Amino acid sequence: MIERREYPRVDDLLSINYRLLNSTGPFIDTVCKNISVGGLCFPVMESLKQDSLLDIEINIRGIKKNIKSQGRVAWSKKREDKRYPYVVGFEFTEIEDSERDFILHYVWEKLKT
């Protein structure tokens, strides 16, 4: 199989919170399935349309690091799971360079182990 991803990613269950960009509603809790410098994959309870813009917070457990970013839903798929019937691919569009560097280092360290 040919890998088409631009950045390497690691499987890791990180706590994340998201909501539609410019929403005043509460953040929704979930966990990511994997992470890379380019984005995340995570399950959701409701269908999110491709190109929907989100605010997102990632909690790196054990390090007590919270990363805040904005981005877009790159893709969304239905799956057979009653609690989280959809999974989305999220692409970072607005993220501080220092936060991107932190994710790069985090992924690199995880890949080494």
PDB file of N, CA and C in Angstrom:
ATOM      1  N   MET A   1       0.838  -1.187   0.000  1.00  0.00           N
ATOM      2  CA  MET A   1       0.000   0.000   0.000  1.00  0.00           C
ATOM      3  C   MET A   1       0.881   1.247   0.000  1.00  0.00           C
ATOM      4  N   ILE A   2       0.550   2.206  -0.806  1.00  0.00           N
ATOM      5  CA  ILE A   2       1.319   3.443  -0.898  1.00  0.00           C
ATOM      6  C   ILE A   2       0.781   4.439   0.119  1.00  0.00           C
ATOM      7  N   GLU A   3       1.686   4.988   0.938  1.00  0.00           N
ATOM      8  CA  GLU A   3       1.310   5.997   1.939  1.00  0.00           C
ATOM      9  C   GLU A   3       1.204   7.349   1.243  1.00  0.00           C
ATOM     10  N   ARG A   4       0.035   7.986   1.339  1.00  0.00           N
ATOM     11  CA  ARG A   4      -0.181   9.265   0.672  1.00  0.00           C
ATOM     12  C   ARG A   4      -0.157  10.438   1.643  1.00  0.00           C
ATOM     13  N   ARG A   5       0.041  10.164   2.900  1.00  0.00           N
ATOM     14  CA  ARG A   5       0.034  11.239   3.881  1.00  0.00           C
ATOM     15  C   ARG A   5       1.285  12.098   3.750  1.00  0.00           C
ATOM     16  N   GLU A   6       1.109  13.394   3.971  1.00  0.00           N
ATOM     17  CA  GLU A   6       2.231  14.316   3.892  1.00  0.00           C
ATOM     18  C   GLU A   6       3.114  14.217   5.136  1.00  0.00           C
ATOM     19  N   TYR A   7       2.508  13.934   6.281  1.00  0.00           N
ATOM     20  CA  TYR A   7       3.236  13.871   7.549  1.00  0.00           C
ATOM     21  C   TYR A   7       3.011  12.522   8.217  1.00  0.00           C
ATOM     22  N   PRO A   8       4.033  12.012   8.910  1.00  0.00           N
ATOM     23  CA  PRO A   8       3.815  10.773   9.660  1.00  0.00           C
ATOM     24  C   PRO A   8       2.844  11.023  10.808  1.00  0.00           C
ATOM     25  N   ARG A   9       2.081  10.004  11.152  1.00  0.00           N
ATOM     26  CA  ARG A   9       1.140  10.137  12.269  1.00  0.00           C
ATOM     27  C   ARG A   9       1.294   8.958  13.192  1.00  0.00           C
ATOM     28  N   VAL A  10       0.871   9.171  14.438  1.00  0.00           N
ATOM     29  CA  VAL A  10       0.923   8.104  15.429  1.00  0.00           C
ATOM     30  C   VAL A  10      -0.460   7.897  16.019  1.00  0.00           C
ATOM     31  N   ASP A  11      -0.759   6.641  16.312  1.00  0.00           N
ATOM     32  CA  ASP A  11      -1.988   6.326  17.024  1.00  0.00           C
ATOM     33  C   ASP A  11      -1.787   6.711  18.478  1.00  0.00           C
ATOM     34  N   ASP A  12      -2.689   7.500  19.005  1.00  0.00           N
ATOM     35  CA  ASP A  12      -2.597   7.932  20.392  1.00  0.00           C
ATOM     36  C   ASP A  12      -3.965   8.441  20.817  1.00  0.00           C
ATOM     37  N   LEU A  13      -4.419   8.025  21.973  1.00  0.00           N
ATOM     38  CA  LEU A  13      -5.715   8.468  22.475  1.00  0.00           C
ATOM     39  C   LEU A  13      -5.529   9.716  23.320  1.00  0.00           C
ATOM     40  N   LEU A  14      -5.667  10.858  22.689  1.00  0.00           N
ATOM     41  CA  LEU A  14      -5.541  12.143  23.362  1.00  0.00           C
ATOM     42  C   LEU A  14      -6.924  12.759  23.524  1.00  0.00           C
ATOM     43  N   SER A  15      -7.158  13.369  24.669  1.00  0.00           N
ATOM     44  CA  SER A  15      -8.422  14.042  24.924  1.00  0.00           C
ATOM     45  C   SER A  15      -8.478  15.319  24.089  1.00  0.00           C
ATOM     46  N   ILE A  16      -9.591  15.491  23.364  1.00  0.00           N
ATOM     47  CA  ILE A  16      -9.768  16.722  22.602  1.00  0.00           C
ATOM     48  C   ILE A  16     -11.174  17.267  22.835  1.00  0.00           C
ATOM     49  N   ASN A  17     -11.312  18.552  22.608  1.00  0.00           N
ATOM     50  CA  ASN A  17     -12.587  19.258  22.666  1.00  0.00           C
ATOM     51  C   ASN A  17     -12.707  20.053  21.376  1.00  0.00           C
ATOM     52  N   TYR A  18     -13.898  20.080  20.805  1.00  0.00           N
ATOM     53  CA  TYR A  18     -14.094  20.829  19.572  1.00  0.00           C
ATOM     54  C   TYR A  18     -15.468  21.477  19.568  1.00  0.00           C
ATOM     55  N   ARG A  19     -15.598  22.476  18.720  1.00  0.00           N
ATOM     56  CA  ARG A  19     -16.895  23.085  18.418  1.00  0.00           C
ATOM     57  C   ARG A  19     -16.763  23.819  17.093  1.00  0.00           C
ATOM     58  N   LEU A  20     -17.890  24.072  16.467  1.00  0.00           N
ATOM     59  CA  LEU A  20     -17.868  24.823  15.217  1.00  0.00           C
ATOM     60  C   LEU A  20     -17.255  26.192  15.454  1.00  0.00           C
ATOM     61  N   LEU A  21     -16.451  26.649  14.523  1.00  0.00           N
ATOM     62  CA  LEU A  21     -15.792  27.947  14.614  1.00  0.00           C
ATOM     63  C   LEU A  21     -16.839  29.045  14.782  1.00  0.00           C
ATOM     64  N   ASN A  22     -16.565  29.975  15.665  1.00  0.00           N
ATOM     65  CA  ASN A  22     -17.436  31.110  15.988  1.00  0.00           C
ATOM     66  C   ASN A  22     -18.724  30.705  16.692  1.00  0.00           C
ATOM     67  N   SER A  23     -18.790  29.464  17.153  1.00  0.00           N
ATOM     68  CA  SER A  23     -19.950  29.021  17.923  1.00  0.00           C
ATOM     69  C   SER A  23     -19.812  29.495  19.359  1.00  0.00           C
ATOM     70  N   THR A  24     -20.939  29.804  19.981  1.00  0.00           N
ATOM     71  CA  THR A  24     -20.920  30.157  21.398  1.00  0.00           C
ATOM     72  C   THR A  24     -21.333  28.967  22.257  1.00  0.00           C
ATOM     73  N   GLY A  25     -21.615  27.850  21.596  1.00  0.00           N
ATOM     74  CA  GLY A  25     -22.011  26.642  22.314  1.00  0.00           C
ATOM     75  C   GLY A  25     -20.829  26.012  23.024  1.00  0.00           C
ATOM     76  N   PRO A  26     -21.121  25.012  23.836  1.00  0.00           N
ATOM     77  CA  PRO A  26     -20.049  24.352  24.594  1.00  0.00           C
ATOM     78  C   PRO A  26     -19.151  23.508  23.684  1.00  0.00           C
ATOM     79  N   PHE A  27     -17.944  23.294  24.148  1.00  0.00           N
ATOM     80  CA  PHE A  27     -17.052  22.376  23.451  1.00  0.00           C
ATOM     81  C   PHE A  27     -17.561  20.954  23.668  1.00  0.00           C
ATOM     82  N   ILE A  28     -17.336  20.090  22.694  1.00  0.00           N
ATOM     83  CA  ILE A  28     -17.738  18.689  22.759  1.00  0.00           C
ATOM     84  C   ILE A  28     -16.490  17.853  22.989  1.00  0.00           C
ATOM     85  N   ASP A  29     -16.556  16.955  23.972  1.00  0.00           N
ATOM     86  CA  ASP A  29     -15.418  16.107  24.321  1.00  0.00           C
ATOM     87  C   ASP A  29     -15.379  14.850  23.472  1.00  0.00           C
ATOM     88  N   THR A  30     -14.180  14.460  23.067  1.00  0.00           N
ATOM     89  CA  THR A  30     -13.936  13.188  22.406  1.00  0.00           C
ATOM     90  C   THR A  30     -12.455  12.867  22.562  1.00  0.00           C
ATOM     91  N   VAL A  31     -11.988  11.832  21.900  1.00  0.00           N
ATOM     92  CA  VAL A  31     -10.559  11.494  21.918  1.00  0.00           C
ATOM     93  C   VAL A  31     -10.093  11.307  20.486  1.00  0.00           C
ATOM     94  N   CYS A  32      -8.856  11.698  20.216  1.00  0.00           N
ATOM     95  CA  CYS A  32      -8.365  11.487  18.861  1.00  0.00           C
ATOM     96  C   CYS A  32      -7.853  10.063  18.720  1.00  0.00           C
ATOM     97  N   LYS A  33      -7.942   9.547  17.521  1.00  0.00           N
ATOM     98  CA  LYS A  33      -7.430   8.214  17.209  1.00  0.00           C
ATOM     99  C   LYS A  33      -5.965   8.292  16.824  1.00  0.00           C
ATOM    100  N   ASN A  34      -5.600   9.352  16.100  1.00  0.00           N
ATOM    101  CA  ASN A  34      -4.207   9.547  15.731  1.00  0.00           C
ATOM    102  C   ASN A  34      -3.943  11.023  15.491  1.00  0.00           C
ATOM    103  N   ILE A  35      -2.651  11.372  15.507  1.00  0.00           N
ATOM    104  CA  ILE A  35      -2.244  12.770  15.389  1.00  0.00           C
ATOM    105  C   ILE A  35      -1.007  12.867  14.510  1.00  0.00           C
ATOM    106  N   SER A  36      -0.918  13.979  13.781  1.00  0.00           N
ATOM    107  CA  SER A  36       0.275  14.313  12.996  1.00  0.00           C
ATOM    108  C   SER A  36       0.426  15.827  13.031  1.00  0.00           C
ATOM    109  N   VAL A  37       1.508  16.307  12.445  1.00  0.00           N
ATOM    110  CA  VAL A  37       1.714  17.751  12.363  1.00  0.00           C
ATOM    111  C   VAL A  37       0.621  18.398  11.512  1.00  0.00           C
ATOM    112  N   GLY A  38       0.039  17.634  10.608  1.00  0.00           N
ATOM    113  CA  GLY A  38      -0.988  18.180   9.726  1.00  0.00           C
ATOM    114  C   GLY A  38      -2.395  18.150  10.271  1.00  0.00           C
ATOM    115  N   GLY A  39      -2.669  17.256  11.261  1.00  0.00           N
ATOM    116  CA  GLY A  39      -4.023  17.183  11.778  1.00  0.00           C
ATOM    117  C   GLY A  39      -4.281  15.977  12.649  1.00  0.00           C
ATOM    118  N   LEU A  40      -5.558  15.661  12.804  1.00  0.00           N
ATOM    119  CA  LEU A  40      -6.022  14.610  13.704  1.00  0.00           C
ATOM    120  C   LEU A  40      -7.108  13.785  13.031  1.00  0.00           C
ATOM    121  N   CYS A  41      -7.370  12.646  13.614  1.00  0.00           N
ATOM    122  CA  CYS A  41      -8.533  11.852  13.258  1.00  0.00           C
ATOM    123  C   CYS A  41      -9.267  11.577  14.564  1.00  0.00           C
ATOM    124  N   PHE A  42     -10.586  11.831  14.590  1.00  0.00           N
ATOM    125  CA  PHE A  42     -11.314  11.604  15.827  1.00  0.00           C
ATOM    126  C   PHE A  42     -12.782  11.268  15.571  1.00  0.00           C
ATOM    127  N   PRO A  43     -13.369  10.481  16.495  1.00  0.00           N
ATOM    128  CA  PRO A  43     -14.782  10.116  16.366  1.00  0.00           C
ATOM    129  C   PRO A  43     -15.683  11.237  16.879  1.00  0.00           C
ATOM    130  N   VAL A  44     -16.863  11.354  16.266  1.00  0.00           N
ATOM    131  CA  VAL A  44     -17.836  12.371  16.669  1.00  0.00           C
ATOM    132  C   VAL A  44     -19.232  11.750  16.723  1.00  0.00           C
ATOM    133  N   MET A  45     -20.117  12.402  17.461  1.00  0.00           N
ATOM    134  CA  MET A  45     -21.481  11.910  17.625  1.00  0.00           C
ATOM    135  C   MET A  45     -22.401  12.327  16.492  1.00  0.00           C
ATOM    136  N   GLU A  46     -22.064  13.457  15.828  1.00  0.00           N
ATOM    137  CA  GLU A  46     -22.921  13.958  14.768  1.00  0.00           C
ATOM    138  C   GLU A  46     -22.115  14.108  13.487  1.00  0.00           C
ATOM    139  N   SER A  47     -22.812  14.121  12.381  1.00  0.00           N
ATOM    140  CA  SER A  47     -22.157  14.295  11.096  1.00  0.00           C
ATOM    141  C   SER A  47     -21.630  15.723  10.978  1.00  0.00           C
ATOM    142  N   LEU A  48     -20.376  15.854  10.598  1.00  0.00           N
ATOM    143  CA  LEU A  48     -19.784  17.160  10.318  1.00  0.00           C
ATOM    144  C   LEU A  48     -19.468  17.208   8.833  1.00  0.00           C
ATOM    145  N   LYS A  49     -19.911  18.249   8.176  1.00  0.00           N
ATOM    146  CA  LYS A  49     -19.701  18.364   6.738  1.00  0.00           C
ATOM    147  C   LYS A  49     -18.238  18.652   6.411  1.00  0.00           C
ATOM    148  N   GLN A  50     -17.800  18.120   5.285  1.00  0.00           N
ATOM    149  CA  GLN A  50     -16.459  18.425   4.800  1.00  0.00           C
ATOM    150  C   GLN A  50     -16.312  19.934   4.669  1.00  0.00           C
ATOM    151  N   ASP A  51     -15.157  20.439   5.052  1.00  0.00           N
ATOM    152  CA  ASP A  51     -14.801  21.860   5.041  1.00  0.00           C
ATOM    153  C   ASP A  51     -15.438  22.669   6.166  1.00  0.00           C
ATOM    154  N   SER A  52     -16.172  22.015   7.085  1.00  0.00           N
ATOM    155  CA  SER A  52     -16.642  22.725   8.280  1.00  0.00           C
ATOM    156  C   SER A  52     -15.427  23.211   9.056  1.00  0.00           C
ATOM    157  N   LEU A  53     -15.505  24.419   9.585  1.00  0.00           N
ATOM    158  CA  LEU A  53     -14.396  24.988  10.355  1.00  0.00           C
ATOM    159  C   LEU A  53     -14.647  24.769  11.843  1.00  0.00           C
ATOM    160  N   LEU A  54     -13.588  24.346  12.550  1.00  0.00           N
ATOM    161  CA  LEU A  54     -13.699  24.015  13.968  1.00  0.00           C
ATOM    162  C   LEU A  54     -12.643  24.720  14.790  1.00  0.00           C
ATOM    163  N   ASP A  55     -13.000  25.035  16.033  1.00  0.00           N
ATOM    164  CA  ASP A  55     -12.046  25.346  17.093  1.00  0.00           C
ATOM    165  C   ASP A  55     -11.741  24.028  17.771  1.00  0.00           C
ATOM    166  N   ILE A  56     -10.488  23.794  18.129  1.00  0.00           N
ATOM    167  CA  ILE A  56     -10.139  22.525  18.749  1.00  0.00           C
ATOM    168  C   ILE A  56      -9.108  22.755  19.846  1.00  0.00           C
ATOM    169  N   GLU A  57      -9.218  21.973  20.902  1.00  0.00           N
ATOM    170  CA  GLU A  57      -8.245  21.973  21.999  1.00  0.00           C
ATOM    171  C   GLU A  57      -7.784  20.536  22.188  1.00  0.00           C
ATOM    172  N   ILE A  58      -6.476  20.341  22.227  1.00  0.00           N
ATOM    173  CA  ILE A  58      -5.889  19.014  22.408  1.00  0.00           C
ATOM    174  C   ILE A  58      -5.199  18.993  23.756  1.00  0.00           C
ATOM    175  N   ASN A  59      -5.508  17.984  24.572  1.00  0.00           N
ATOM    176  CA  ASN A  59      -4.884  17.849  25.880  1.00  0.00           C
ATOM    177  C   ASN A  59      -3.874  16.713  25.816  1.00  0.00           C
ATOM    178  N   ILE A  60      -2.599  17.058  25.925  1.00  0.00           N
ATOM    179  CA  ILE A  60      -1.538  16.051  25.924  1.00  0.00           C
ATOM    180  C   ILE A  60      -1.353  15.591  27.365  1.00  0.00           C
ATOM    181  N   ARG A  61      -1.896  14.419  27.664  1.00  0.00           N
ATOM    182  CA  ARG A  61      -1.861  13.928  29.042  1.00  0.00           C
ATOM    183  C   ARG A  61      -0.427  13.620  29.468  1.00  0.00           C
ATOM    184  N   GLY A  62      -0.195  13.727  30.741  1.00  0.00           N
ATOM    185  CA  GLY A  62       1.124  13.448  31.281  1.00  0.00           C
ATOM    186  C   GLY A  62       2.074  14.620  31.147  1.00  0.00           C
ATOM    187  N   ILE A  63       1.789  15.516  30.219  1.00  0.00           N
ATOM    188  CA  ILE A  63       2.651  16.676  30.007  1.00  0.00           C
ATOM    189  C   ILE A  63       1.930  17.941  30.458  1.00  0.00           C
ATOM    190  N   LYS A  64       0.644  17.828  30.649  1.00  0.00           N
ATOM    191  CA  LYS A  64      -0.200  18.968  31.014  1.00  0.00           C
ATOM    192  C   LYS A  64      -0.038  20.097  30.006  1.00  0.00           C
ATOM    193  N   LYS A  65      -0.178  19.730  28.743  1.00  0.00           N
ATOM    194  CA  LYS A  65      -0.052  20.680  27.645  1.00  0.00           C
ATOM    195  C   LYS A  65      -1.370  20.723  26.893  1.00  0.00           C
ATOM    196  N   ASN A  66      -1.902  21.914  26.711  1.00  0.00           N
ATOM    197  CA  ASN A  66      -3.105  22.110  25.907  1.00  0.00           C
ATOM    198  C   ASN A  66      -2.736  22.876  24.651  1.00  0.00           C
ATOM    199  N   ILE A  67      -3.125  22.350  23.521  1.00  0.00           N
ATOM    200  CA  ILE A  67      -2.863  22.991  22.240  1.00  0.00           C
ATOM    201  C   ILE A  67      -4.195  23.471  21.687  1.00  0.00           C
ATOM    202  N   LYS A  68      -4.249  24.742  21.330  1.00  0.00           N
ATOM    203  CA  LYS A  68      -5.463  25.314  20.741  1.00  0.00           C
ATOM    204  C   LYS A  68      -5.183  25.604  19.274  1.00  0.00           C
ATOM    205  N   SER A  69      -6.171  25.287  18.453  1.00  0.00           N
ATOM    206  CA  SER A  69      -6.001  25.451  17.018  1.00  0.00           C
ATOM    207  C   SER A  69      -7.360  25.640  16.361  1.00  0.00           C
ATOM    208  N   GLN A  70      -7.295  26.031  15.111  1.00  0.00           N
ATOM    209  CA  GLN A  70      -8.473  26.051  14.255  1.00  0.00           C
ATOM    210  C   GLN A  70      -8.147  25.228  13.022  1.00  0.00           C
ATOM    211  N   GLY A  71      -9.163  24.713  12.403  1.00  0.00           N
ATOM    212  CA  GLY A  71      -8.927  23.927  11.210  1.00  0.00           C
ATOM    213  C   GLY A  71     -10.222  23.558  10.523  1.00  0.00           C
ATOM    214  N   ARG A  72     -10.084  22.641   9.582  1.00  0.00           N
ATOM    215  CA  ARG A  72     -11.238  22.255   8.787  1.00  0.00           C
ATOM    216  C   ARG A  72     -11.389  20.746   8.781  1.00  0.00           C
ATOM    217  N   VAL A  73     -12.622  20.315   8.602  1.00  0.00           N
ATOM    218  CA  VAL A  73     -12.908  18.901   8.448  1.00  0.00           C
ATOM    219  C   VAL A  73     -12.504  18.531   7.018  1.00  0.00           C
ATOM    220  N   ALA A  74     -11.480  17.698   6.883  1.00  0.00           N
ATOM    221  CA  ALA A  74     -10.994  17.289   5.563  1.00  0.00           C
ATOM    222  C   ALA A  74     -11.871  16.189   4.975  1.00  0.00           C
ATOM    223  N   TRP A  75     -12.402  15.317   5.854  1.00  0.00           N
ATOM    224  CA  TRP A  75     -13.290  14.243   5.433  1.00  0.00           C
ATOM    225  C   TRP A  75     -14.105  13.766   6.621  1.00  0.00           C
ATOM    226  N   SER A  76     -15.205  13.099   6.341  1.00  0.00           N
ATOM    227  CA  SER A  76     -16.075  12.546   7.373  1.00  0.00           C
ATOM    228  C   SER A  76     -16.644  11.226   6.860  1.00  0.00           C
ATOM    229  N   LYS A  77     -16.654  10.218   7.710  1.00  0.00           N
ATOM    230  CA  LYS A  77     -17.167   8.904   7.323  1.00  0.00           C
ATOM    231  C   LYS A  77     -18.108   8.365   8.393  1.00  0.00           C
ATOM    232  N   LYS A  78     -19.154   7.712   7.942  1.00  0.00           N
ATOM    233  CA  LYS A  78     -20.073   7.009   8.852  1.00  0.00           C
ATOM    234  C   LYS A  78     -19.422   5.689   9.218  1.00  0.00           C
ATOM    235  N   ARG A  79     -19.660   5.242  10.452  1.00  0.00           N
ATOM    236  CA  ARG A  79     -19.118   3.954  10.884  1.00  0.00           C
ATOM    237  C   ARG A  79     -20.117   3.251  11.783  1.00  0.00           C
ATOM    238  N   GLU A  80     -19.851   1.990  12.048  1.00  0.00           N
ATOM    239  CA  GLU A  80     -20.746   1.171  12.871  1.00  0.00           C
ATOM    240  C   GLU A  80     -20.363   1.292  14.345  1.00  0.00           C
ATOM    241  N   ASP A  81     -20.765   2.382  14.962  1.00  0.00           N
ATOM    242  CA  ASP A  81     -20.509   2.614  16.379  1.00  0.00           C
ATOM    243  C   ASP A  81     -21.664   3.453  16.892  1.00  0.00           C
ATOM    244  N   LYS A  82     -22.395   2.935  17.875  1.00  0.00           N
ATOM    245  CA  LYS A  82     -23.585   3.653  18.347  1.00  0.00           C
ATOM    246  C   LYS A  82     -23.252   4.924  19.108  1.00  0.00           C
ATOM    247  N   ARG A  83     -22.146   4.934  19.849  1.00  0.00           N
ATOM    248  CA  ARG A  83     -21.804   6.110  20.643  1.00  0.00           C
ATOM    249  C   ARG A  83     -21.225   7.231  19.767  1.00  0.00           C
ATOM    250  N   TYR A  84     -20.302   6.863  18.892  1.00  0.00           N
ATOM    251  CA  TYR A  84     -19.679   7.820  17.973  1.00  0.00           C
ATOM    252  C   TYR A  84     -19.833   7.287  16.547  1.00  0.00           C
ATOM    253  N   PRO A  85     -20.966   7.563  15.900  1.00  0.00           N
ATOM    254  CA  PRO A  85     -21.247   6.952  14.596  1.00  0.00           C
ATOM    255  C   PRO A  85     -20.483   7.562  13.412  1.00  0.00           C
ATOM    256  N   TYR A  86     -19.668   8.593  13.659  1.00  0.00           N
ATOM    257  CA  TYR A  86     -18.890   9.203  12.585  1.00  0.00           C
ATOM    258  C   TYR A  86     -17.442   9.353  13.030  1.00  0.00           C
ATOM    259  N   VAL A  87     -16.560   9.403  12.054  1.00  0.00           N
ATOM    260  CA  VAL A  87     -15.161   9.702  12.309  1.00  0.00           C
ATOM    261  C   VAL A  87     -14.753  10.758  11.284  1.00  0.00           C
ATOM    262  N   VAL A  88     -13.950  11.730  11.731  1.00  0.00           N
ATOM    263  CA  VAL A  88     -13.535  12.819  10.842  1.00  0.00           C
ATOM    264  C   VAL A  88     -12.018  12.940  10.813  1.00  0.00           C
ATOM    265  N   GLY A  89     -11.549  13.422   9.689  1.00  0.00           N
ATOM    266  CA  GLY A  89     -10.168  13.839   9.547  1.00  0.00           C
ATOM    267  C   GLY A  89     -10.149  15.348   9.640  1.00  0.00           C
ATOM    268  N   PHE A  90      -9.299  15.870  10.512  1.00  0.00           N
ATOM    269  CA  PHE A  90      -9.238  17.307  10.790  1.00  0.00           C
ATOM    270  C   PHE A  90      -7.872  17.814  10.364  1.00  0.00           C
ATOM    271  N   GLU A  91      -7.853  18.905   9.614  1.00  0.00           N
ATOM    272  CA  GLU A  91      -6.611  19.507   9.151  1.00  0.00           C
ATOM    273  C   GLU A  91      -6.399  20.848   9.857  1.00  0.00           C
ATOM    274  N   PHE A  92      -5.219  21.023  10.478  1.00  0.00           N
ATOM    275  CA  PHE A  92      -4.892  22.302  11.104  1.00  0.00           C
ATOM    276  C   PHE A  92      -4.780  23.371  10.022  1.00  0.00           C
ATOM    277  N   THR A  93      -5.440  24.512  10.240  1.00  0.00           N
ATOM    278  CA  THR A  93      -5.284  25.655   9.329  1.00  0.00           C
ATOM    279  C   THR A  93      -4.716  26.866  10.061  1.00  0.00           C
ATOM    280  N   GLU A  94      -5.040  27.003  11.323  1.00  0.00           N
ATOM    281  CA  GLU A  94      -4.527  28.095  12.150  1.00  0.00           C
ATOM    282  C   GLU A  94      -3.931  27.481  13.404  1.00  0.00           C
ATOM    283  N   ILE A  95      -2.597  27.474  13.480  1.00  0.00           N
ATOM    284  CA  ILE A  95      -1.922  26.920  14.648  1.00  0.00           C
ATOM    285  C   ILE A  95      -0.603  27.663  14.808  1.00  0.00           C
ATOM    286  N   GLU A  96      -0.271  27.995  16.053  1.00  0.00           N
ATOM    287  CA  GLU A  96       0.982  28.688  16.336  1.00  0.00           C
ATOM    288  C   GLU A  96       2.159  27.799  15.934  1.00  0.00           C
ATOM    289  N   ASP A  97       3.222  28.422  15.446  1.00  0.00           N
ATOM    290  CA  ASP A  97       4.417  27.657  15.066  1.00  0.00           C
ATOM    291  C   ASP A  97       4.950  26.836  16.230  1.00  0.00           C
ATOM    292  N   SER A  98       4.923  27.412  17.436  1.00  0.00           N
ATOM    293  CA  SER A  98       5.430  26.686  18.607  1.00  0.00           C
ATOM    294  C   SER A  98       4.575  25.459  18.912  1.00  0.00           C
ATOM    295  N   GLU A  99       3.274  25.548  18.666  1.00  0.00           N
ATOM    296  CA  GLU A  99       2.377  24.408  18.879  1.00  0.00           C
ATOM    297  C   GLU A  99       2.631  23.326  17.818  1.00  0.00           C
ATOM    298  N   ARG A 100       2.836  23.738  16.580  1.00  0.00           N
ATOM    299  CA  ARG A 100       3.142  22.791  15.506  1.00  0.00           C
ATOM    300  C   ARG A 100       4.474  22.091  15.798  1.00  0.00           C
ATOM    301  N   ASP A 101       5.462  22.856  16.263  1.00  0.00           N
ATOM    302  CA  ASP A 101       6.758  22.272  16.624  1.00  0.00           C
ATOM    303  C   ASP A 101       6.610  21.269  17.758  1.00  0.00           C
ATOM    304  N   PHE A 102       5.746  21.593  18.728  1.00  0.00           N
ATOM    305  CA  PHE A 102       5.513  20.679  19.843  1.00  0.00           C
ATOM    306  C   PHE A 102       4.923  19.366  19.329  1.00  0.00           C
ATOM    307  N   ILE A 103       3.933  19.448  18.442  1.00  0.00           N
ATOM    308  CA  ILE A 103       3.317  18.237  17.885  1.00  0.00           C
ATOM    309  C   ILE A 103       4.353  17.438  17.094  1.00  0.00           C
ATOM    310  N   LEU A 104       5.185  18.118  16.310  1.00  0.00           N
ATOM    311  CA  LEU A 104       6.226  17.434  15.545  1.00  0.00           C
ATOM    312  C   LEU A 104       7.145  16.650  16.479  1.00  0.00           C
ATOM    313  N   HIS A 105       7.587  17.280  17.547  1.00  0.00           N
ATOM    314  CA  HIS A 105       8.459  16.616  18.518  1.00  0.00           C
ATOM    315  C   HIS A 105       7.726  15.455  19.194  1.00  0.00           C
ATOM    316  N   TYR A 106       6.484  15.678  19.562  1.00  0.00           N
ATOM    317  CA  TYR A 106       5.676  14.644  20.226  1.00  0.00           C
ATOM    318  C   TYR A 106       5.518  13.421  19.329  1.00  0.00           C
ATOM    319  N   VAL A 107       5.161  13.638  18.066  1.00  0.00           N
ATOM    320  CA  VAL A 107       4.985  12.535  17.123  1.00  0.00           C
ATOM    321  C   VAL A 107       6.315  11.814  16.903  1.00  0.00           C
ATOM    322  N   TRP A 108       7.380  12.577  16.730  1.00  0.00           N
ATOM    323  CA  TRP A 108       8.690  11.985  16.501  1.00  0.00           C
ATOM    324  C   TRP A 108       9.096  11.082  17.673  1.00  0.00           C
ATOM    325  N   GLU A 109       8.877  11.567  18.905  1.00  0.00           N
ATOM    326  CA  GLU A 109       9.219  10.766  20.093  1.00  0.00           C
ATOM    327  C   GLU A 109       8.385   9.495  20.164  1.00  0.00           C
ATOM    328  N   LYS A 110       7.112   9.589  19.828  1.00  0.00           N
ATOM    329  CA  LYS A 110       6.233   8.418  19.836  1.00  0.00           C
ATOM    330  C   LYS A 110       6.663   7.402  18.767  1.00  0.00           C
ATOM    331  N   LEU A 111       7.095   7.893  17.605  1.00  0.00           N
ATOM    332  CA  LEU A 111       7.537   7.003  16.534  1.00  0.00           C
ATOM    333  C   LEU A 111       8.820   6.258  16.911  1.00  0.00           C
ATOM    334  N   LYS A 112       9.646   6.880  17.716  1.00  0.00           N
ATOM    335  CA  LYS A 112      10.908   6.244  18.132  1.00  0.00           C
ATOM    336  C   LYS A 112      10.690   5.117  19.121  1.00  0.00           C
ATOM    337  N   THR A 113       9.565   5.161  19.861  1.00  0.00           N
ATOM    338  CA  THR A 113       9.339   4.128  20.880  1.00  0.00           C
ATOM    339  C   THR A 113       8.547   2.964  20.355  1.00  0.00           C
TER     340      THR A 113
END
